């Protein structure tokens, strides 16, 4: 078991000699397999002005650094997630963007990622990701939709008002 506390700053041992990682102020536990799975992604963060910034993050942080990643705060099912990952991202043009080498994950990796995302408070990611103002929710009612655009449209038709209320703090 690995205990995590927000932003990774140091690995230490507790009173029983078990290793844990100091991450800021949220404490949650992951198995060693979860920690090892947390694939590290190299990517570029694009802003309107200036050169892209080279970044490296665990996949659970990376998804919070992609503009418009979730549809109205809803985390995508595996097949939609892989459609997103396979694009390699977008530079953003007049808006922020994120680019990476295209990749996919399998069902086992997705299950672990969902477990981590479910327990992770995105506000603990600090400056590691840009879009941490809303914790992802899940809605399997739309998992049957195969097309990314159709999924976004349907999800936002249902969740748009609740998403905006959450963003405004209501």
Protein backbone atom coordinates (compact mmCIF):
# COMPACT_ATOMS: atom_id res chain seq x y z
CA UNK A 1 0.00 0.00 0.00
CA UNK A 2 1.31 3.46 -0.89
CA UNK A 3 -0.09 6.44 0.98
CA UNK A 4 -0.16 9.65 -1.02
CA UNK A 5 -0.47 13.18 0.23
CA UNK A 6 -1.15 15.73 -2.59
CA UNK A 7 1.87 17.09 -4.46
CA UNK A 8 4.79 14.66 -4.52
CA UNK A 9 7.74 16.20 -2.75
CA UNK A 10 9.50 13.37 -0.90
CA UNK A 11 9.35 9.70 -0.13
CA UNK A 12 9.61 8.84 3.58
CA UNK A 13 9.00 5.96 5.95
CA UNK A 14 6.29 5.99 8.59
CA UNK A 15 6.74 4.73 12.18
CA UNK A 16 6.34 1.12 11.01
CA UNK A 17 8.93 1.60 8.25
CA UNK A 18 6.34 1.57 5.44
CA UNK A 19 7.18 3.97 2.59
CA UNK A 20 4.79 6.78 1.82
CA UNK A 21 4.90 9.85 -0.39
CA UNK A 22 4.25 13.39 0.81
CA UNK A 23 1.98 15.17 -1.66
CA UNK A 24 0.57 18.33 0.14
CA UNK A 25 -2.41 17.83 2.39
CA UNK A 26 -4.73 15.15 0.97
CA UNK A 27 -4.01 11.64 2.17
CA UNK A 28 -5.22 8.64 0.20
CA UNK A 29 -3.90 5.16 -0.35
CA UNK A 30 -2.95 3.36 -3.53
CA UNK A 31 -1.62 -0.13 -4.00
CA UNK A 32 1.89 -0.47 -5.38
CA UNK A 33 0.29 -1.70 -8.60
CA UNK A 34 -1.77 1.53 -8.81
CA UNK A 35 1.33 3.66 -8.28
CA UNK A 36 3.36 1.69 -10.81
CA UNK A 37 0.51 1.86 -13.34
CA UNK A 38 0.29 5.60 -13.16
CA UNK A 39 1.86 5.93 -16.54
CA UNK A 40 4.02 9.00 -17.00
CA UNK A 41 3.10 11.10 -20.01
CA UNK A 42 5.45 13.56 -21.72
CA UNK A 43 3.49 16.35 -23.34
CA UNK A 44 3.49 20.01 -24.32
CA UNK A 45 1.27 22.63 -22.75
CA UNK A 46 0.33 25.34 -25.29
CA UNK A 47 -0.83 28.84 -24.40
CA UNK A 48 -1.85 31.72 -26.67
CA UNK A 49 1.51 33.47 -26.34
CA UNK A 50 4.99 32.02 -26.03
CA UNK A 51 6.55 28.69 -26.77
CA UNK A 52 4.98 25.42 -25.62
CA UNK A 53 6.02 24.26 -22.17
CA UNK A 54 7.45 20.73 -21.90
CA UNK A 55 5.64 18.80 -19.16
CA UNK A 56 5.78 15.34 -17.61
CA UNK A 57 3.00 14.01 -15.39
CA UNK A 58 1.29 10.88 -14.23
CA UNK A 59 -1.76 10.08 -16.34
CA UNK A 60 -4.09 10.97 -13.43
CA UNK A 61 -2.64 14.51 -13.46
CA UNK A 62 -2.31 14.69 -17.25
CA UNK A 63 -6.08 14.33 -17.79
CA UNK A 64 -6.59 17.46 -15.67
CA UNK A 65 -4.21 19.40 -17.93
CA UNK A 66 -6.09 18.79 -21.21
CA UNK A 67 -8.52 21.57 -22.17
CA UNK A 68 -12.12 20.36 -22.56
CA UNK A 69 -11.11 16.80 -21.62
CA UNK A 70 -14.29 15.76 -19.85
CA UNK A 71 -17.68 16.66 -21.26
CA UNK A 72 -19.27 19.07 -18.78
CA UNK A 73 -17.24 17.52 -15.95
CA UNK A 74 -17.97 13.89 -16.88
CA UNK A 75 -15.01 11.52 -17.29
CA UNK A 76 -15.13 9.59 -20.57
CA UNK A 77 -15.56 5.82 -20.88
CA UNK A 78 -12.55 3.81 -22.11
CA UNK A 79 -13.40 3.84 -25.82
CA UNK A 80 -13.91 7.64 -25.82
CA UNK A 81 -10.82 8.16 -23.65
CA UNK A 82 -8.73 6.21 -26.17
CA UNK A 83 -10.17 8.27 -29.03
CA UNK A 84 -8.92 11.36 -27.21
CA UNK A 85 -5.50 9.86 -26.42
CA UNK A 86 -5.09 8.64 -30.03
CA UNK A 87 -5.43 12.19 -31.40
CA UNK A 88 -2.19 13.38 -29.84
CA UNK A 89 -4.05 16.50 -28.69
CA UNK A 90 -4.35 19.95 -30.18
CA UNK A 91 -2.19 23.08 -29.98
CA UNK A 92 -5.23 25.20 -29.25
CA UNK A 93 -4.64 28.14 -31.61
CA UNK A 94 -6.27 31.11 -29.86
CA UNK A 95 -7.08 28.91 -26.83
CA UNK A 96 -4.86 26.76 -24.61
CA UNK A 97 -3.90 23.35 -25.92
CA UNK A 98 -2.07 20.17 -25.03
CA UNK A 99 -0.16 17.83 -27.37
CA UNK A 100 1.40 14.41 -26.79
CA UNK A 101 2.52 11.30 -28.65
CA UNK A 102 -0.67 9.30 -29.40
CA UNK A 103 -1.28 6.29 -27.13
CA UNK A 104 -4.07 4.12 -25.72
CA UNK A 105 -4.69 2.29 -22.46
CA UNK A 106 -6.32 -1.10 -21.87
CA UNK A 107 -9.29 -2.05 -19.64
CA UNK A 108 -7.13 -2.92 -16.65
CA UNK A 109 -5.26 0.39 -16.86
CA UNK A 110 -8.55 2.24 -17.28
CA UNK A 111 -9.97 0.56 -14.17
CA UNK A 112 -6.97 1.65 -12.13
CA UNK A 113 -7.14 5.17 -13.56
CA UNK A 114 -10.83 5.44 -12.66
CA UNK A 115 -10.08 4.23 -9.14
CA UNK A 116 -7.41 6.91 -8.77
CA UNK A 117 -9.51 9.69 -10.34
CA UNK A 118 -12.42 8.76 -8.05
CA UNK A 119 -10.25 9.25 -4.95
CA UNK A 120 -8.17 12.20 -6.18
CA UNK A 121 -9.07 15.76 -5.18
CA UNK A 122 -7.98 17.75 -8.27
CA UNK A 123 -7.36 20.87 -6.18
CA UNK A 124 -4.38 19.01 -4.69
CA UNK A 125 -2.65 19.05 -8.06
CA UNK A 126 -1.75 22.73 -7.59
CA UNK A 127 0.32 24.03 -10.48
CA UNK A 128 0.74 20.56 -12.02
CA UNK A 129 -2.49 20.85 -14.05
CA UNK A 130 -4.58 23.75 -15.34
CA UNK A 131 -8.17 22.45 -15.13
CA UNK A 132 -8.54 21.37 -11.53
CA UNK A 133 -11.57 23.46 -10.54
CA UNK A 134 -14.03 20.54 -10.95
CA UNK A 135 -13.60 16.93 -9.82
CA UNK A 136 -14.65 14.54 -12.58
CA UNK A 137 -17.97 12.75 -12.22
CA UNK A 138 -19.04 9.60 -14.04
CA UNK A 139 -22.23 8.80 -15.95
CA UNK A 140 -22.33 5.36 -17.58
CA UNK A 141 -25.70 6.15 -19.23
CA UNK A 142 -23.74 7.40 -22.25
CA UNK A 143 -21.12 4.64 -22.48
CA UNK A 144 -22.97 3.05 -25.40
CA UNK A 145 -22.22 6.05 -27.65
CA UNK A 146 -19.26 5.16 -29.87
CA UNK A 147 -18.47 8.58 -31.36
CA UNK A 148 -16.57 11.15 -29.28
CA UNK A 149 -18.58 14.09 -30.64
CA UNK A 150 -21.92 12.32 -30.09
CA UNK A 151 -20.82 11.44 -26.54
CA UNK A 152 -19.87 15.07 -25.73
CA UNK A 153 -23.15 16.39 -27.14
CA UNK A 154 -25.34 13.92 -25.24
CA UNK A 155 -23.43 14.25 -21.96
CA UNK A 156 -23.52 18.05 -22.03
CA UNK A 157 -27.23 18.10 -22.87
CA UNK A 158 -27.80 16.34 -19.53
CA UNK A 159 -25.00 17.79 -17.36
CA UNK A 160 -24.36 21.36 -18.63
CA UNK A 161 -26.45 23.20 -16.01
CA UNK A 162 -25.10 21.13 -13.11
CA UNK A 163 -21.55 21.61 -14.41
CA UNK A 164 -21.90 25.38 -14.54
CA UNK A 165 -23.47 25.42 -11.08
CA UNK A 166 -20.53 23.39 -9.70
CA UNK A 167 -18.03 25.70 -11.39
CA UNK A 168 -19.69 28.76 -9.85
CA UNK A 169 -19.74 27.13 -6.41
CA UNK A 170 -23.51 26.62 -6.18
